[in-house]
Structure formats: structure tokens, C-alpha cells
Amino acid sequence: MLEKLIQYLSTELDVPAEELGRDTTFESLHLDSLDTVEMLMDLESELGVDLELEEKVSTIGELADFIESKLD
């Protein structure tokens, strides 16, 4: 899931994938709440799972872990 998120963010934000990692924060990528909602909607559609966040996630790794918990 981590690689999928990195690829998604790389494409959407036009940032080289090698600059993104597990500890990359969404703040450092300048994503606002609207960007985050749009990303989650895209991922929900692609993965066929509800990704309603119960708590704030700050990094790509935290979001990957959250999505993986929803897929189990």
C-alpha cells in the first residue's frame, strides 16, 4: 500500500517518487484538507473500501497503515 500511495502522490503532485517515503508528512507536501479529501475519495473508488478517517494521519506511512487495516 505504501508504494501505491507514493505513486499516487508522485503523479498527482508532480513530485519524484524517490523524494517520497514512509515518513513524508502531508504538511511538507503542502496538502490542505480539500486535497486530502480528494485523495481519500480517489483511493476509496480505486480500492472499493470506505476510508473515513477516525483520527488525523500526518505521514504517508500512517495513511498506508490505516488503509491496510481497512482492507484486512
C-alpha atoms as a PDB file:
ATOM      1  CA  MET A   1       0.000   0.000   0.000  1.00  0.00           C
ATOM      2  CA  LEU A   2       2.880   2.356   0.752  1.00  0.00           C
ATOM      3  CA  GLU A   3       4.187   2.066  -2.802  1.00  0.00           C
ATOM      4  CA  LYS A   4       0.698   2.665  -4.224  1.00  0.00           C
ATOM      5  CA  LEU A   5       0.327   5.844  -2.155  1.00  0.00           C
ATOM      6  CA  ILE A   6       3.766   7.086  -3.132  1.00  0.00           C
ATOM      7  CA  GLN A   7       2.993   6.500  -6.802  1.00  0.00           C
ATOM      8  CA  TYR A   8      -0.382   8.244  -6.468  1.00  0.00           C
ATOM      9  CA  LEU A   9       1.132  11.277  -4.726  1.00  0.00           C
ATOM     10  CA  SER A  10       4.044  11.409  -7.132  1.00  0.00           C
ATOM     11  CA  THR A  11       1.659  11.553 -10.081  1.00  0.00           C
ATOM     12  CA  GLU A  12      -0.848  13.949  -8.515  1.00  0.00           C
ATOM     13  CA  LEU A  13       1.725  16.368  -7.113  1.00  0.00           C
ATOM     14  CA  ASP A  14       4.349  16.012  -9.844  1.00  0.00           C
ATOM     15  CA  VAL A  15       6.984  15.061  -7.258  1.00  0.00           C
ATOM     16  CA  PRO A  16       9.601  12.386  -7.989  1.00  0.00           C
ATOM     17  CA  ALA A  17       8.622   9.168  -6.196  1.00  0.00           C
ATOM     18  CA  GLU A  18      12.140   8.804  -4.804  1.00  0.00           C
ATOM     19  CA  GLU A  19      11.573  12.027  -2.814  1.00  0.00           C
ATOM     20  CA  LEU A  20       8.607  10.459  -1.011  1.00  0.00           C
ATOM     21  CA  GLY A  21       8.801   7.943   1.795  1.00  0.00           C
ATOM     22  CA  ARG A  22       7.051   6.451   4.784  1.00  0.00           C
ATOM     23  CA  ASP A  23       7.904   9.448   6.987  1.00  0.00           C
ATOM     24  CA  THR A  24       6.997  12.147   4.455  1.00  0.00           C
ATOM     25  CA  THR A  25       4.374  14.408   6.004  1.00  0.00           C
ATOM     26  CA  PHE A  26       1.358  15.686   4.132  1.00  0.00           C
ATOM     27  CA  GLU A  27       2.202  19.129   5.509  1.00  0.00           C
ATOM     28  CA  SER A  28       5.599  19.026   3.803  1.00  0.00           C
ATOM     29  CA  LEU A  29       3.775  18.269   0.536  1.00  0.00           C
ATOM     30  CA  HIS A  30       1.538  21.321   1.094  1.00  0.00           C
ATOM     31  CA  LEU A  31      -1.659  19.252   1.037  1.00  0.00           C
ATOM     32  CA  ASP A  32      -4.635  21.020   2.540  1.00  0.00           C
ATOM     33  CA  SER A  33      -7.773  19.376   3.871  1.00  0.00           C
ATOM     34  CA  LEU A  34      -9.523  19.569   0.478  1.00  0.00           C
ATOM     35  CA  ASP A  35      -6.570  17.845  -1.212  1.00  0.00           C
ATOM     36  CA  THR A  36      -6.668  15.124   1.439  1.00  0.00           C
ATOM     37  CA  VAL A  37     -10.410  14.557   0.990  1.00  0.00           C
ATOM     38  CA  GLU A  38      -9.988  14.309  -2.786  1.00  0.00           C
ATOM     39  CA  MET A  39      -7.137  11.829  -2.363  1.00  0.00           C
ATOM     40  CA  LEU A  40      -9.191   9.661   0.001  1.00  0.00           C
ATOM     41  CA  MET A  41     -12.149   9.706  -2.402  1.00  0.00           C
ATOM     42  CA  ASP A  42      -9.884   8.596  -5.263  1.00  0.00           C
ATOM     43  CA  LEU A  43      -8.441   5.800  -3.138  1.00  0.00           C
ATOM     44  CA  GLU A  44     -11.884   4.692  -1.922  1.00  0.00           C
ATOM     45  CA  SER A  45     -13.035   4.406  -5.509  1.00  0.00           C
ATOM     46  CA  GLU A  46      -9.924   2.545  -6.626  1.00  0.00           C
ATOM     47  CA  LEU A  47      -9.821   0.152  -3.651  1.00  0.00           C
ATOM     48  CA  GLY A  48     -13.561  -0.278  -3.097  1.00  0.00           C
ATOM     49  CA  VAL A  49     -13.294   0.427   0.636  1.00  0.00           C
ATOM     50  CA  ASP A  50     -14.597   3.152   2.964  1.00  0.00           C
ATOM     51  CA  LEU A  51     -11.701   5.273   4.213  1.00  0.00           C
ATOM     52  CA  GLU A  52     -13.430   7.513   6.735  1.00  0.00           C
ATOM     53  CA  LEU A  53     -10.587   8.712   8.942  1.00  0.00           C
ATOM     54  CA  GLU A  54     -11.288   8.366  12.645  1.00  0.00           C
ATOM     55  CA  GLU A  55      -8.184  10.332  13.570  1.00  0.00           C
ATOM     56  CA  LYS A  56      -5.685  12.586  11.863  1.00  0.00           C
ATOM     57  CA  VAL A  57      -2.850  10.963   9.940  1.00  0.00           C
ATOM     58  CA  SER A  58       0.272  13.014   9.326  1.00  0.00           C
ATOM     59  CA  THR A  59       2.508  10.859   7.155  1.00  0.00           C
ATOM     60  CA  ILE A  60       2.280   8.675   4.088  1.00  0.00           C
ATOM     61  CA  GLY A  61       3.187   5.677   6.262  1.00  0.00           C
ATOM     62  CA  GLU A  62       0.385   6.350   8.745  1.00  0.00           C
ATOM     63  CA  LEU A  63      -2.131   6.556   5.906  1.00  0.00           C
ATOM     64  CA  ALA A  64      -0.783   3.345   4.355  1.00  0.00           C
ATOM     65  CA  ASP A  65      -1.153   1.554   7.701  1.00  0.00           C
ATOM     66  CA  PHE A  66      -4.696   2.906   8.103  1.00  0.00           C
ATOM     67  CA  ILE A  67      -5.731   1.741   4.624  1.00  0.00           C
ATOM     68  CA  GLU A  68      -4.197  -1.685   5.170  1.00  0.00           C
ATOM     69  CA  SER A  69      -6.195  -2.034   8.414  1.00  0.00           C
ATOM     70  CA  LYS A  70      -9.397  -1.309   6.456  1.00  0.00           C
ATOM     71  CA  LEU A  71      -8.524  -3.897   3.812  1.00  0.00           C
ATOM     72  CA  ASP A  72      -7.996  -6.697   6.355  1.00  0.00           C
END
